[in-house]
Each structure stands twice: as C-alpha cells, then as structure tokens.
Amino acid sequence: RSDEPGAPFPLVREAAANPQFILACAIKFADVGHALKPFDQHHRWSQLVTEEFWKIGDREKSLGVPVSFLCDRNVDTDMAKS
C-alpha cells in the first residue's frame, strides 16, 4: 500500500518492522565504513585491523587451537585479496 511508512522503499519497511535490522546495518556500516575515508586513513585502519587479526592468530597458536580465518600472519599476508 502506498500509505504505509516507507512504502516505496523495502528497507525502510523492514527497519520499521524489525528494529534489530537497524542494529545489524549499523554494525555492518561500522565494520566497512573506513573504506569511505580518505585513502591514508583507510590504509592505516586496514593495517590496524590486520595486526589485530594476526595477534588473535598468534594467541590461538600459543593455545594450540586452530587459527581463525585471516588470522595467520604467515599465511594471510595479502589482505587486499582477502
């Protein structure tokens, strides 16, 4: 119906019906939003995230558990292709 809130926009309807949808979108945007920043800021943020992943992998190795995806600094060295 054209008189429903957000009628021509399905995402607006979904958001009105499901507040968790808004939260999921906000988390996703926060996760990938750095790609919209100037390149030097985006590049630095990517380096920080990569180092964080590698530290997680280092800890997993020290505990003797399988290393998570993208967390092995000896394998996952080309983050641009990941």
C-alpha atoms as a PDB file:
ATOM      1  CA  ARG A   1       0.000   0.000   0.000  1.00  0.00           C
ATOM      2  CA  SER A   2       1.222   3.449  -0.837  1.00  0.00           C
ATOM      3  CA  ASP A   3       0.146   4.937   2.526  1.00  0.00           C
ATOM      4  CA  GLU A   4       2.385   2.598   4.603  1.00  0.00           C
ATOM      5  CA  PRO A   5       5.518   4.131   6.146  1.00  0.00           C
ATOM      6  CA  GLY A   6       8.384   3.721   3.696  1.00  0.00           C
ATOM      7  CA  ALA A   7       6.059   2.164   1.124  1.00  0.00           C
ATOM      8  CA  PRO A   8       8.282   2.661  -1.928  1.00  0.00           C
ATOM      9  CA  PHE A   9      11.385   1.627  -0.008  1.00  0.00           C
ATOM     10  CA  PRO A  10      11.537  -2.014   1.159  1.00  0.00           C
ATOM     11  CA  LEU A  11      14.478  -1.381   3.501  1.00  0.00           C
ATOM     12  CA  VAL A  12      12.531   1.330   5.314  1.00  0.00           C
ATOM     13  CA  ARG A  13       9.607  -1.072   5.739  1.00  0.00           C
ATOM     14  CA  GLU A  14      11.982  -3.754   7.048  1.00  0.00           C
ATOM     15  CA  ALA A  15      13.523  -1.299   9.508  1.00  0.00           C
ATOM     16  CA  ALA A  16      10.120  -0.214  10.792  1.00  0.00           C
ATOM     17  CA  ALA A  17       9.058  -3.834  11.268  1.00  0.00           C
ATOM     18  CA  ASN A  18      12.335  -5.096  12.717  1.00  0.00           C
ATOM     19  CA  PRO A  19      14.468  -2.760  14.878  1.00  0.00           C
ATOM     20  CA  GLN A  20      17.216  -5.404  15.010  1.00  0.00           C
ATOM     21  CA  PHE A  21      17.637  -4.828  11.282  1.00  0.00           C
ATOM     22  CA  ILE A  22      18.786  -1.254  12.032  1.00  0.00           C
ATOM     23  CA  LEU A  23      21.318  -2.541  14.554  1.00  0.00           C
ATOM     24  CA  ALA A  24      22.644  -5.131  12.092  1.00  0.00           C
ATOM     25  CA  CYS A  25      23.050  -2.427   9.423  1.00  0.00           C
ATOM     26  CA  ALA A  26      24.802  -0.083  11.852  1.00  0.00           C
ATOM     27  CA  ILE A  27      27.271  -2.804  12.826  1.00  0.00           C
ATOM     28  CA  LYS A  28      27.946  -3.649   9.171  1.00  0.00           C
ATOM     29  CA  PHE A  29      28.463   0.010   8.254  1.00  0.00           C
ATOM     30  CA  ALA A  30      30.814   0.486  11.203  1.00  0.00           C
ATOM     31  CA  ASP A  31      32.751  -2.572  10.085  1.00  0.00           C
ATOM     32  CA  VAL A  32      33.320  -1.455   6.496  1.00  0.00           C
ATOM     33  CA  GLY A  33      32.847   2.308   6.781  1.00  0.00           C
ATOM     34  CA  HIS A  34      36.552   3.071   6.898  1.00  0.00           C
ATOM     35  CA  ALA A  35      36.709   2.337   3.175  1.00  0.00           C
ATOM     36  CA  LEU A  36      34.876   5.629   2.594  1.00  0.00           C
ATOM     37  CA  LYS A  37      37.502   7.697   4.401  1.00  0.00           C
ATOM     38  CA  PRO A  38      40.463   9.331   2.654  1.00  0.00           C
ATOM     39  CA  PHE A  39      42.901   6.687   1.453  1.00  0.00           C
ATOM     40  CA  ASP A  40      45.609   7.359   4.065  1.00  0.00           C
ATOM     41  CA  GLN A  41      43.088   6.925   6.895  1.00  0.00           C
ATOM     42  CA  HIS A  42      41.565   3.835   5.266  1.00  0.00           C
ATOM     43  CA  HIS A  43      45.017   2.305   4.744  1.00  0.00           C
ATOM     44  CA  ARG A  44      46.053   2.942   8.351  1.00  0.00           C
ATOM     45  CA  TRP A  45      42.787   1.480   9.659  1.00  0.00           C
ATOM     46  CA  SER A  46      43.281  -1.597   7.478  1.00  0.00           C
ATOM     47  CA  GLN A  47      46.791  -2.045   8.878  1.00  0.00           C
ATOM     48  CA  LEU A  48      45.487  -1.813  12.457  1.00  0.00           C
ATOM     49  CA  VAL A  49      42.731  -4.343  11.813  1.00  0.00           C
ATOM     50  CA  THR A  50      45.173  -6.710  10.118  1.00  0.00           C
ATOM     51  CA  GLU A  51      47.543  -6.507  13.078  1.00  0.00           C
ATOM     52  CA  GLU A  52      44.637  -7.183  15.452  1.00  0.00           C
ATOM     53  CA  PHE A  53      43.682 -10.292  13.446  1.00  0.00           C
ATOM     54  CA  TRP A  54      47.274 -11.510  13.470  1.00  0.00           C
ATOM     55  CA  LYS A  55      47.516 -11.063  17.247  1.00  0.00           C
ATOM     56  CA  ILE A  56      44.387 -13.182  17.614  1.00  0.00           C
ATOM     57  CA  GLY A  57      46.029 -15.837  15.419  1.00  0.00           C
ATOM     58  CA  ASP A  58      49.239 -15.670  17.457  1.00  0.00           C
ATOM     59  CA  ARG A  59      47.238 -16.254  20.629  1.00  0.00           C
ATOM     60  CA  GLU A  60      45.329 -19.138  19.058  1.00  0.00           C
ATOM     61  CA  LYS A  61      48.618 -20.757  18.009  1.00  0.00           C
ATOM     62  CA  SER A  62      50.014 -20.362  21.528  1.00  0.00           C
ATOM     63  CA  LEU A  63      46.907 -22.100  22.897  1.00  0.00           C
ATOM     64  CA  GLY A  64      47.211 -24.920  20.378  1.00  0.00           C
ATOM     65  CA  VAL A  65      43.825 -24.270  18.762  1.00  0.00           C
ATOM     66  CA  PRO A  66      43.130 -23.858  15.040  1.00  0.00           C
ATOM     67  CA  VAL A  67      43.913 -20.383  13.752  1.00  0.00           C
ATOM     68  CA  SER A  68      40.846 -18.431  12.623  1.00  0.00           C
ATOM     69  CA  PHE A  69      40.316 -17.287   9.038  1.00  0.00           C
ATOM     70  CA  LEU A  70      42.575 -14.298   8.125  1.00  0.00           C
ATOM     71  CA  CYS A  71      44.429 -14.519  11.451  1.00  0.00           C
ATOM     72  CA  ASP A  72      47.611 -16.351  10.436  1.00  0.00           C
ATOM     73  CA  ARG A  73      50.365 -13.804   9.803  1.00  0.00           C
ATOM     74  CA  ASN A  74      52.394 -16.486   7.970  1.00  0.00           C
ATOM     75  CA  VAL A  75      49.599 -17.343   5.533  1.00  0.00           C
ATOM     76  CA  ASP A  76      47.255 -14.360   5.278  1.00  0.00           C
ATOM     77  CA  THR A  77      49.730 -11.763   4.058  1.00  0.00           C
ATOM     78  CA  ASP A  78      47.787 -10.247   1.140  1.00  0.00           C
ATOM     79  CA  MET A  79      44.823  -8.630   2.850  1.00  0.00           C
ATOM     80  CA  ALA A  80      43.888  -6.708  -0.301  1.00  0.00           C
ATOM     81  CA  LYS A  81      42.864 -10.004  -1.890  1.00  0.00           C
ATOM     82  CA  SER A  82      41.063 -11.398   1.150  1.00  0.00           C
END
